[in-house]
């Protein structure tokens, strides 16, 4: 409601800087989400896609969970010292399998 609508107290409202920061942090916290649990079929599809991509040397799109927005990396998968790495344009990046939501062939 604005002052023109008859609310004379609207102009008197003040927000202290520390309260404004707390409101911003609360808004960010409210947007955070928890990681979904993948079922056995999803893990088998991920495993199949990785195996095919490594055998045929095809690029994949790896979707990694982040609390606010998922991250998608595109590159060629490879195994190095027992863990999964993704060779991208920026170099080789280790992939944390606990954060993987989906792996699909890149278009």
N, C-alpha and C. Protein backbone atom coordinates (compact mmCIF):
# COMPACT_ATOMS: atom_id res chain seq x y z
N UNK A 1 0.84 -1.18 0.00
CA UNK A 1 0.00 0.00 0.00
C UNK A 1 0.88 1.24 0.00
N UNK A 2 0.56 2.18 -0.83
CA UNK A 2 1.34 3.40 -0.92
C UNK A 2 0.67 4.51 -0.11
N UNK A 3 1.40 5.61 0.04
CA UNK A 3 0.85 6.75 0.77
C UNK A 3 -0.39 7.27 0.06
N UNK A 4 -0.36 7.26 -1.25
CA UNK A 4 -1.51 7.74 -2.02
C UNK A 4 -2.75 6.90 -1.77
N UNK A 5 -2.56 5.66 -1.32
CA UNK A 5 -3.69 4.77 -1.04
C UNK A 5 -4.22 4.97 0.37
N UNK A 6 -3.65 5.90 1.12
CA UNK A 6 -4.14 6.17 2.46
C UNK A 6 -3.30 5.58 3.57
N UNK A 7 -2.16 4.98 3.26
CA UNK A 7 -1.31 4.39 4.28
C UNK A 7 -0.20 5.38 4.63
N UNK A 8 -0.42 6.18 5.67
CA UNK A 8 0.55 7.22 6.03
C UNK A 8 1.80 6.65 6.70
N UNK A 9 1.72 5.42 7.20
CA UNK A 9 2.86 4.83 7.90
C UNK A 9 3.86 4.19 6.93
N UNK A 10 3.51 4.00 5.68
CA UNK A 10 4.41 3.39 4.71
C UNK A 10 5.68 4.20 4.54
N UNK A 11 5.60 5.53 4.57
CA UNK A 11 6.77 6.38 4.40
C UNK A 11 7.69 6.33 5.61
N UNK A 12 7.19 5.88 6.76
CA UNK A 12 8.00 5.86 7.98
C UNK A 12 8.76 4.54 8.15
N UNK A 13 8.54 3.59 7.28
CA UNK A 13 9.18 2.30 7.45
C UNK A 13 10.66 2.41 7.10
N UNK A 14 11.51 1.96 8.01
CA UNK A 14 12.96 1.96 7.80
C UNK A 14 13.48 0.54 7.99
N UNK A 15 14.48 0.21 7.22
CA UNK A 15 15.13 -1.08 7.37
C UNK A 15 16.60 -0.82 7.61
N UNK A 16 17.08 -1.29 8.74
CA UNK A 16 18.50 -1.12 9.06
C UNK A 16 19.34 -1.98 8.13
N UNK A 17 20.56 -1.54 7.83
CA UNK A 17 21.42 -2.30 6.90
C UNK A 17 21.64 -3.75 7.34
N UNK A 18 21.82 -3.98 8.63
CA UNK A 18 22.04 -5.36 9.09
C UNK A 18 20.79 -6.20 8.94
N UNK A 19 19.61 -5.56 9.04
CA UNK A 19 18.37 -6.30 8.82
C UNK A 19 18.18 -6.61 7.34
N UNK A 20 18.58 -5.67 6.49
CA UNK A 20 18.49 -5.88 5.05
C UNK A 20 19.36 -7.07 4.64
N UNK A 21 20.59 -7.14 5.17
CA UNK A 21 21.47 -8.27 4.87
C UNK A 21 20.88 -9.58 5.38
N UNK A 22 20.28 -9.55 6.57
CA UNK A 22 19.66 -10.76 7.12
C UNK A 22 18.48 -11.19 6.24
N UNK A 23 17.73 -10.23 5.71
CA UNK A 23 16.60 -10.57 4.83
C UNK A 23 17.11 -11.19 3.53
N UNK A 24 18.23 -10.69 2.99
CA UNK A 24 18.80 -11.26 1.78
C UNK A 24 19.29 -12.69 2.02
N UNK A 25 19.97 -12.90 3.16
CA UNK A 25 20.46 -14.25 3.49
C UNK A 25 19.29 -15.21 3.67
N UNK A 26 18.22 -14.75 4.31
CA UNK A 26 17.05 -15.61 4.51
C UNK A 26 16.40 -15.96 3.17
N UNK A 27 16.38 -15.02 2.24
CA UNK A 27 15.80 -15.30 0.92
C UNK A 27 16.64 -16.33 0.17
N UNK A 28 17.97 -16.23 0.26
CA UNK A 28 18.84 -17.21 -0.39
C UNK A 28 18.68 -18.58 0.24
N UNK A 29 18.61 -18.62 1.56
CA UNK A 29 18.43 -19.90 2.27
C UNK A 29 17.10 -20.54 1.90
N UNK A 30 16.06 -19.74 1.70
CA UNK A 30 14.75 -20.27 1.35
C UNK A 30 14.76 -20.89 -0.05
N UNK A 31 15.63 -20.40 -0.94
CA UNK A 31 15.71 -20.92 -2.30
C UNK A 31 16.51 -22.22 -2.38
N UNK A 32 17.31 -22.51 -1.36
CA UNK A 32 18.14 -23.71 -1.40
C UNK A 32 17.26 -24.95 -1.39
N UNK A 33 17.76 -25.99 -2.05
CA UNK A 33 17.01 -27.24 -2.11
C UNK A 33 17.92 -28.38 -1.72
N UNK A 34 17.35 -29.51 -1.42
CA UNK A 34 18.15 -30.66 -1.04
C UNK A 34 18.35 -31.57 -2.25
N UNK A 35 19.41 -32.36 -2.21
CA UNK A 35 19.75 -33.22 -3.34
C UNK A 35 18.75 -34.36 -3.44
N UNK A 36 18.21 -34.59 -4.63
CA UNK A 36 17.30 -35.73 -4.80
C UNK A 36 18.07 -37.04 -4.75
N UNK A 37 17.40 -38.08 -4.33
CA UNK A 37 18.00 -39.41 -4.27
C UNK A 37 17.72 -40.13 -5.58
N UNK A 38 18.79 -40.61 -6.20
CA UNK A 38 18.65 -41.34 -7.46
C UNK A 38 18.33 -42.79 -7.19
N UNK A 39 17.42 -43.35 -7.97
CA UNK A 39 17.07 -44.75 -7.80
C UNK A 39 18.05 -45.63 -8.59
N UNK A 40 17.88 -46.93 -8.48
CA UNK A 40 18.79 -47.89 -9.10
C UNK A 40 18.80 -47.76 -10.63
N UNK A 41 17.63 -47.50 -11.21
CA UNK A 41 17.56 -47.35 -12.67
C UNK A 41 18.37 -46.15 -13.15
N UNK A 42 18.30 -45.05 -12.42
CA UNK A 42 19.05 -43.86 -12.80
C UNK A 42 20.55 -44.13 -12.74
N UNK A 43 21.01 -44.85 -11.70
CA UNK A 43 22.43 -45.17 -11.59
C UNK A 43 22.88 -46.12 -12.70
N UNK A 44 22.01 -47.07 -13.09
CA UNK A 44 22.36 -47.97 -14.18
C UNK A 44 22.45 -47.22 -15.50
N UNK A 45 21.56 -46.25 -15.71
CA UNK A 45 21.63 -45.44 -16.93
C UNK A 45 22.90 -44.60 -16.97
N UNK A 46 23.28 -44.04 -15.82
CA UNK A 46 24.52 -43.28 -15.73
C UNK A 46 25.72 -44.17 -16.05
N UNK A 47 25.73 -45.37 -15.47
CA UNK A 47 26.83 -46.30 -15.70
C UNK A 47 26.91 -46.70 -17.16
N UNK A 48 25.78 -46.99 -17.78
CA UNK A 48 25.75 -47.38 -19.19
C UNK A 48 26.27 -46.24 -20.06
N UNK A 49 25.80 -45.02 -19.81
CA UNK A 49 26.23 -43.87 -20.60
C UNK A 49 27.72 -43.64 -20.47
N UNK A 50 28.25 -43.73 -19.25
CA UNK A 50 29.69 -43.55 -19.04
C UNK A 50 30.50 -44.62 -19.77
N UNK A 51 30.06 -45.85 -19.66
CA UNK A 51 30.78 -46.95 -20.30
C UNK A 51 30.81 -46.76 -21.82
N UNK A 52 29.67 -46.44 -22.41
CA UNK A 52 29.61 -46.23 -23.86
C UNK A 52 30.46 -45.03 -24.27
N UNK A 53 30.40 -43.96 -23.51
CA UNK A 53 31.15 -42.75 -23.85
C UNK A 53 32.65 -43.00 -23.77
N UNK A 54 33.09 -43.76 -22.78
CA UNK A 54 34.53 -44.03 -22.67
C UNK A 54 35.01 -44.98 -23.76
N UNK A 55 34.19 -45.99 -24.10
CA UNK A 55 34.59 -46.94 -25.14
C UNK A 55 34.64 -46.27 -26.51
N UNK A 56 33.66 -45.42 -26.80
CA UNK A 56 33.56 -44.78 -28.12
C UNK A 56 34.14 -43.37 -28.15
N UNK A 57 34.67 -42.92 -27.01
CA UNK A 57 35.28 -41.60 -26.87
C UNK A 57 34.33 -40.49 -27.32
N UNK A 58 33.13 -40.51 -26.73
CA UNK A 58 32.10 -39.51 -27.02
C UNK A 58 31.99 -38.52 -25.87
N UNK A 59 31.68 -37.27 -26.17
CA UNK A 59 31.49 -36.30 -25.08
C UNK A 59 30.15 -36.51 -24.37
N UNK A 60 30.14 -36.18 -23.09
CA UNK A 60 28.92 -36.29 -22.29
C UNK A 60 28.63 -34.97 -21.58
N UNK A 61 27.40 -34.81 -21.19
CA UNK A 61 26.98 -33.67 -20.38
C UNK A 61 26.70 -34.21 -18.98
N UNK A 62 27.46 -33.74 -18.01
CA UNK A 62 27.32 -34.19 -16.62
C UNK A 62 26.60 -33.10 -15.84
N UNK A 63 25.46 -33.45 -15.25
CA UNK A 63 24.71 -32.51 -14.43
C UNK A 63 25.05 -32.77 -12.97
N UNK A 64 25.63 -31.75 -12.32
CA UNK A 64 26.03 -31.85 -10.91
C UNK A 64 25.09 -31.02 -10.05
N UNK A 65 24.74 -31.56 -8.90
CA UNK A 65 23.83 -30.88 -7.99
C UNK A 65 24.53 -29.71 -7.29
N UNK A 66 23.84 -28.61 -7.22
CA UNK A 66 24.24 -27.46 -6.41
C UNK A 66 22.96 -26.97 -5.73
N UNK A 67 23.05 -26.50 -4.50
CA UNK A 67 21.84 -26.13 -3.76
C UNK A 67 20.95 -25.09 -4.44
N UNK A 68 21.53 -24.14 -5.15
CA UNK A 68 20.71 -23.10 -5.77
C UNK A 68 20.41 -23.39 -7.23
N UNK A 69 21.41 -23.89 -7.97
CA UNK A 69 21.22 -24.16 -9.39
C UNK A 69 22.20 -25.25 -9.82
N UNK A 70 21.71 -26.22 -10.59
CA UNK A 70 22.57 -27.31 -11.04
C UNK A 70 23.64 -26.80 -11.99
N UNK A 71 24.76 -27.52 -12.01
CA UNK A 71 25.89 -27.18 -12.87
C UNK A 71 26.03 -28.25 -13.94
N UNK A 72 26.19 -27.85 -15.19
CA UNK A 72 26.34 -28.80 -16.29
C UNK A 72 27.74 -28.64 -16.89
N UNK A 73 28.48 -29.74 -16.94
CA UNK A 73 29.82 -29.76 -17.53
C UNK A 73 29.79 -30.66 -18.75
N UNK A 74 30.45 -30.24 -19.80
CA UNK A 74 30.49 -31.04 -21.03
C UNK A 74 31.94 -31.37 -21.35
N UNK A 75 32.18 -32.66 -21.62
CA UNK A 75 33.52 -33.09 -21.94
C UNK A 75 33.59 -34.60 -22.11
N UNK A 76 34.80 -35.09 -22.31
CA UNK A 76 35.03 -36.52 -22.49
C UNK A 76 35.37 -37.16 -21.14
N UNK A 77 34.64 -38.20 -20.74
CA UNK A 77 34.94 -38.84 -19.46
C UNK A 77 36.17 -39.74 -19.56
N UNK A 78 36.90 -39.83 -18.46
CA UNK A 78 38.05 -40.73 -18.39
C UNK A 78 38.25 -41.15 -16.94
N UNK A 79 38.81 -42.34 -16.76
CA UNK A 79 39.12 -42.83 -15.42
C UNK A 79 40.59 -42.52 -15.15
N UNK A 80 40.83 -41.95 -13.98
CA UNK A 80 42.20 -41.62 -13.59
C UNK A 80 42.32 -41.95 -12.11
N UNK A 81 43.24 -42.84 -11.78
CA UNK A 81 43.51 -43.28 -10.40
C UNK A 81 42.23 -43.67 -9.66
N UNK A 82 41.36 -44.40 -10.36
CA UNK A 82 40.18 -44.96 -9.72
C UNK A 82 39.01 -44.00 -9.57
N UNK A 83 39.10 -42.81 -10.12
CA UNK A 83 37.98 -41.87 -10.02
C UNK A 83 37.68 -41.29 -11.41
N UNK A 84 36.49 -40.73 -11.53
CA UNK A 84 36.04 -40.19 -12.81
C UNK A 84 36.52 -38.76 -12.99
N UNK A 85 37.06 -38.49 -14.17
CA UNK A 85 37.50 -37.15 -14.54
C UNK A 85 36.81 -36.79 -15.84
N UNK A 86 36.63 -35.50 -16.06
CA UNK A 86 36.01 -35.02 -17.28
C UNK A 86 36.98 -34.08 -17.97
N UNK A 87 37.37 -34.45 -19.19
CA UNK A 87 38.30 -33.61 -19.96
C UNK A 87 37.48 -32.57 -20.71
N UNK A 88 37.54 -31.32 -20.24
CA UNK A 88 36.77 -30.22 -20.83
C UNK A 88 37.71 -29.26 -21.55
N UNK A 89 37.15 -28.19 -22.07
CA UNK A 89 37.96 -27.16 -22.72
C UNK A 89 38.90 -26.48 -21.71
N UNK A 90 38.49 -26.46 -20.44
CA UNK A 90 39.28 -25.83 -19.39
C UNK A 90 40.31 -26.77 -18.77
N UNK A 91 40.38 -28.00 -19.24
CA UNK A 91 41.31 -28.97 -18.70
C UNK A 91 40.55 -30.14 -18.08
N UNK A 92 41.26 -30.98 -17.37
CA UNK A 92 40.65 -32.15 -16.73
C UNK A 92 40.11 -31.77 -15.36
N UNK A 93 38.85 -32.12 -15.11
CA UNK A 93 38.21 -31.82 -13.83
C UNK A 93 37.76 -33.10 -13.16
N UNK A 94 38.01 -33.25 -11.85
CA UNK A 94 37.51 -34.43 -11.16
C UNK A 94 35.99 -34.29 -10.95
N UNK A 95 35.29 -35.41 -11.03
CA UNK A 95 33.84 -35.42 -10.86
C UNK A 95 33.50 -36.13 -9.56
N UNK A 96 32.81 -35.43 -8.69
CA UNK A 96 32.35 -36.00 -7.43
C UNK A 96 31.05 -36.75 -7.70
N UNK A 97 31.09 -38.07 -7.67
CA UNK A 97 29.93 -38.88 -8.01
C UNK A 97 28.77 -38.68 -7.03
N UNK A 98 29.05 -38.16 -5.85
CA UNK A 98 27.96 -37.90 -4.89
C UNK A 98 27.10 -36.73 -5.34
N UNK A 99 27.63 -35.88 -6.24
CA UNK A 99 26.88 -34.72 -6.72
C UNK A 99 26.23 -34.96 -8.08
N UNK A 100 26.49 -36.10 -8.71
CA UNK A 100 25.97 -36.36 -10.05
C UNK A 100 24.46 -36.60 -9.99
N UNK A 101 23.75 -35.88 -10.85
CA UNK A 101 22.30 -36.08 -10.99
C UNK A 101 21.97 -36.82 -12.29
N UNK A 102 22.76 -36.53 -13.33
CA UNK A 102 22.47 -37.10 -14.64
C UNK A 102 23.72 -37.03 -15.51
N UNK A 103 23.90 -38.05 -16.33
CA UNK A 103 24.95 -38.03 -17.35
C UNK A 103 24.29 -38.49 -18.65
N UNK A 104 24.41 -37.65 -19.67
CA UNK A 104 23.82 -37.94 -20.97
C UNK A 104 24.83 -37.61 -22.06
N UNK A 105 24.64 -38.22 -23.22
CA UNK A 105 25.51 -37.93 -24.35
C UNK A 105 25.30 -36.48 -24.77
N UNK A 106 26.39 -35.77 -25.01
CA UNK A 106 26.30 -34.37 -25.44
C UNK A 106 25.88 -34.32 -26.89
N UNK A 107 25.08 -33.36 -27.22
CA UNK A 107 24.61 -33.22 -28.60
C UNK A 107 25.60 -32.52 -29.47
